[in-house]
N, C-alpha and C. Protein backbone atom coordinates (compact mmCIF):
# COMPACT_ATOMS: atom_id res chain seq x y z
N MET A 1 0.72 -1.29 -0.36
CA MET A 1 0.20 0.10 -0.10
C MET A 1 0.61 1.33 -0.12
N ALA A 2 0.37 2.22 -0.90
CA ALA A 2 1.27 3.35 -0.63
C ALA A 2 0.81 4.34 0.25
N ASP A 3 1.91 5.07 0.83
CA ASP A 3 1.97 5.95 1.82
C ASP A 3 0.81 7.33 1.82
N SER A 4 0.30 7.20 2.90
CA SER A 4 -1.41 8.16 2.79
C SER A 4 -1.39 8.77 3.74
N VAL A 5 -2.09 10.25 3.68
CA VAL A 5 -1.69 11.34 4.71
C VAL A 5 -3.30 10.92 5.65
N PHE A 6 -3.19 11.20 6.77
CA PHE A 6 -4.11 10.73 7.43
C PHE A 6 -4.28 12.25 8.77
N SER A 7 -5.47 12.35 8.83
CA SER A 7 -5.75 13.89 9.97
C SER A 7 -6.56 13.39 11.03
N CYS A 8 -6.32 13.56 12.32
CA CYS A 8 -7.41 13.71 12.97
C CYS A 8 -8.34 14.62 13.25
N SER A 9 -9.72 14.08 13.09
CA SER A 9 -10.98 15.11 13.04
C SER A 9 -10.97 15.94 14.40
N TYR A 10 -10.23 15.13 15.55
CA TYR A 10 -10.30 16.23 16.94
C TYR A 10 -9.42 16.98 16.85
N CYS A 11 -8.24 16.64 16.65
CA CYS A 11 -6.77 17.54 17.41
C CYS A 11 -6.50 17.86 15.95
N GLY A 12 -6.53 17.93 14.87
CA GLY A 12 -5.62 18.16 13.65
C GLY A 12 -4.35 17.88 13.44
N THR A 13 -3.91 16.45 14.50
CA THR A 13 -2.57 16.42 14.26
C THR A 13 -2.66 15.14 12.39
N THR A 14 -1.48 15.72 11.94
CA THR A 14 -1.31 15.07 10.69
C THR A 14 -0.29 14.14 10.64
N ILE A 15 -0.29 13.27 9.71
CA ILE A 15 0.88 12.11 9.76
C ILE A 15 0.45 11.19 8.40
N THR A 16 1.75 10.84 7.95
CA THR A 16 2.21 10.33 6.77
C THR A 16 2.36 8.80 7.36
N LYS A 17 1.18 7.67 6.49
CA LYS A 17 1.69 6.04 6.87
C LYS A 17 1.28 5.50 5.88
N ASN A 18 1.22 4.30 5.63
CA ASN A 18 1.22 3.18 4.79
C ASN A 18 0.16 2.26 5.43
N THR A 19 -0.10 2.71 7.19
CA THR A 19 -1.73 1.92 7.42
C THR A 19 -2.01 3.43 8.41
N SER A 20 -3.35 2.85 8.84
CA SER A 20 -3.81 3.17 9.51
C SER A 20 -3.28 3.90 11.05
N PRO A 21 -2.86 5.09 11.74
CA PRO A 21 -1.82 5.32 12.73
C PRO A 21 -2.77 5.02 13.89
N ASN A 22 -2.12 4.96 14.97
CA ASN A 22 -2.40 4.61 16.42
C ASN A 22 -3.28 5.58 16.99
N GLN A 23 -4.35 5.10 17.81
CA GLN A 23 -5.40 5.96 18.04
C GLN A 23 -5.07 6.85 19.33
N SER A 24 -4.13 6.12 20.17
CA SER A 24 -3.72 6.68 21.28
C SER A 24 -3.08 8.05 21.38
N GLY A 25 -3.01 9.02 22.31
CA GLY A 25 -2.19 10.07 22.55
C GLY A 25 -2.98 11.51 21.60
N CYS A 26 -4.31 11.50 21.47
CA CYS A 26 -5.21 12.90 21.45
C CYS A 26 -4.80 13.73 22.52
N SER A 27 -4.80 15.00 21.80
CA SER A 27 -4.65 15.96 23.06
C SER A 27 -6.08 16.37 23.12
N ALA A 28 -7.17 16.09 22.20
CA ALA A 28 -8.27 16.90 22.21
C ALA A 28 -9.50 16.19 22.87
N LYS A 29 -9.35 14.70 22.64
CA LYS A 29 -9.91 13.66 23.13
C LYS A 29 -9.41 12.48 23.92
N SER A 30 -10.12 11.30 24.25
CA SER A 30 -10.12 10.66 24.78
C SER A 30 -8.70 9.60 23.50
N SER A 31 -8.78 9.68 22.60
CA SER A 31 -8.13 8.78 21.31
C SER A 31 -8.61 9.85 19.99
N HIS A 32 -7.62 9.55 18.89
CA HIS A 32 -7.59 10.04 17.78
C HIS A 32 -8.59 9.40 16.93
N TYR A 33 -9.34 10.48 16.20
CA TYR A 33 -9.95 9.81 14.80
C TYR A 33 -9.42 10.01 13.70
N TRP A 34 -8.67 9.36 12.62
CA TRP A 34 -8.36 9.05 12.21
C TRP A 34 -8.77 9.45 10.68
N VAL A 35 -8.96 10.44 9.94
CA VAL A 35 -9.33 10.27 8.30
C VAL A 35 -8.33 10.31 7.36
N ARG A 36 -8.55 9.15 6.40
CA ARG A 36 -7.19 9.14 5.45
C ARG A 36 -7.69 10.24 4.26
N LEU A 37 -6.77 11.46 4.14
CA LEU A 37 -7.17 12.26 3.34
C LEU A 37 -6.91 11.93 1.91
N GLY A 38 -5.75 10.95 1.83
CA GLY A 38 -5.43 11.07 0.42
C GLY A 38 -3.93 10.21 0.11
N GLU A 39 -3.85 9.94 -0.89
CA GLU A 39 -2.39 9.50 -1.33
C GLU A 39 -1.28 10.55 -1.29
N VAL A 40 -0.03 10.29 -0.72
CA VAL A 40 0.74 11.27 -0.79
C VAL A 40 1.42 11.42 -2.09
N GLY A 41 1.48 13.09 -2.28
CA GLY A 41 1.69 13.74 -3.84
C GLY A 41 2.70 14.46 -4.01
N ASP A 42 2.88 14.88 -4.44
CA ASP A 42 3.48 16.32 -4.95
C ASP A 42 2.72 17.96 -4.90
N THR A 43 1.06 17.98 -4.69
CA THR A 43 0.68 18.84 -4.92
C THR A 43 0.29 19.15 -3.70
N ASN A 44 0.41 20.96 -3.29
CA ASN A 44 -0.44 21.42 -1.71
C ASN A 44 -1.51 21.41 -1.74
N PHE A 45 -1.82 21.36 -0.76
CA PHE A 45 -3.25 21.49 -0.24
C PHE A 45 -3.52 22.16 1.06
N GLN A 46 -4.19 23.62 1.04
CA GLN A 46 -4.62 24.17 2.30
C GLN A 46 -6.21 24.31 2.24
N CYS A 47 -6.88 23.57 3.55
CA CYS A 47 -8.26 24.19 4.37
C CYS A 47 -8.25 25.11 4.35
N LYS A 48 -9.04 25.85 3.95
CA LYS A 48 -9.53 27.29 4.46
C LYS A 48 -10.07 27.55 5.81
N ASN A 49 -10.62 26.40 6.28
CA ASN A 49 -11.34 26.38 7.51
C ASN A 49 -10.08 26.55 8.81
N CYS A 50 -9.69 25.35 8.52
CA CYS A 50 -8.54 24.62 9.79
C CYS A 50 -7.11 24.90 9.53
N LYS A 51 -6.84 25.49 8.59
CA LYS A 51 -5.06 25.95 7.86
C LYS A 51 -4.73 24.74 7.84
N ILE A 52 -5.12 23.63 7.98
CA ILE A 52 -3.29 22.53 7.66
C ILE A 52 -3.22 22.55 6.44
N VAL A 53 -1.77 22.20 5.85
CA VAL A 53 -1.51 21.96 4.57
C VAL A 53 -0.84 20.74 4.48
N VAL A 54 -1.91 20.11 3.57
CA VAL A 54 -1.04 18.86 3.06
C VAL A 54 -0.50 18.35 2.03
N LYS A 55 0.06 17.70 1.21
CA LYS A 55 0.39 16.99 0.15
C LYS A 55 0.37 16.28 -0.54
N THR A 56 -0.81 16.25 -1.42
CA THR A 56 -1.43 14.61 -2.09
C THR A 56 -1.43 14.54 -3.13
N LYS A 57 -1.68 13.52 -4.14
CA LYS A 57 -1.64 13.22 -5.59
C LYS A 57 -2.84 14.14 -6.01
N SER A 58 -4.03 14.26 -5.29
CA SER A 58 -5.25 15.00 -5.58
C SER A 58 -5.91 15.42 -4.63
N THR A 59 -7.02 16.42 -5.20
CA THR A 59 -7.85 16.94 -4.25
C THR A 59 -7.96 16.03 -2.55
N PRO A 60 -7.70 16.43 -1.35
CA PRO A 60 -7.81 15.66 -0.22
C PRO A 60 -9.52 15.39 -0.14
N GLN A 61 -9.74 14.47 0.97
CA GLN A 61 -11.11 14.28 1.33
C GLN A 61 -11.59 15.50 2.31
N GLN A 62 -12.94 15.25 2.47
CA GLN A 62 -13.54 16.84 2.73
C GLN A 62 -13.68 16.41 4.59
N THR A 63 -14.22 15.28 4.84
CA THR A 63 -14.41 15.06 5.91
C THR A 63 -13.29 15.13 7.10
N GLY A 64 -13.29 15.16 7.92
CA GLY A 64 -12.54 15.50 9.06
C GLY A 64 -12.38 16.63 9.58
N CYS A 65 -12.67 17.89 9.14
CA CYS A 65 -12.14 19.09 9.26
C CYS A 65 -12.53 19.50 11.40
N THR A 66 -11.43 20.00 11.71
CA THR A 66 -11.68 20.38 13.30
C THR A 66 -12.28 21.89 13.33
N LYS A 67 -12.62 22.65 12.68
CA LYS A 67 -13.04 23.65 12.91
C LYS A 67 -14.62 23.66 11.89
N ALA A 68 -14.74 22.90 10.80
CA ALA A 68 -16.00 23.24 10.19
C ALA A 68 -16.59 22.12 10.22
N SER A 69 -17.81 21.87 9.21
CA SER A 69 -18.38 20.43 9.09
C SER A 69 -17.58 19.59 8.08
N SER A 70 -16.60 20.10 7.00
CA SER A 70 -15.67 19.59 5.91
C SER A 70 -14.67 20.46 5.26
N HIS A 71 -13.94 20.05 5.14
CA HIS A 71 -12.70 20.63 4.68
C HIS A 71 -13.26 21.62 3.49
N TYR A 72 -12.07 22.48 3.26
CA TYR A 72 -12.32 23.48 1.63
C TYR A 72 -11.46 23.76 1.52
N TRP A 73 -10.61 22.75 0.73
CA TRP A 73 -9.20 22.75 -0.04
C TRP A 73 -8.74 23.91 -1.37
N THR A 74 -7.72 24.45 -0.66
CA THR A 74 -7.51 25.27 -1.82
C THR A 74 -6.41 24.79 -2.25
N ARG A 75 -5.75 24.76 -3.57
CA ARG A 75 -4.45 24.19 -4.37
C ARG A 75 -3.32 25.34 -4.07
N LEU A 76 -2.64 25.17 -3.40
CA LEU A 76 -1.19 26.14 -3.11
C LEU A 76 -0.30 26.34 -4.37
């Protein structure tokens, strides 16, 4: 499996892994709630709502924003 970008919808932590990250250690809740945003790539995207920046092959998933009901991605 190719590396993917994951983001916790509670605390906003992002991580790149080829499997789902460990759920322990969330600073906002009792455990992380990881959302797979997309496959690692060369294009930077920033969410207008929560301001995180990720580097994926295509537009990331909209679910899992910490500041709104969904991410609103802008290509950088």
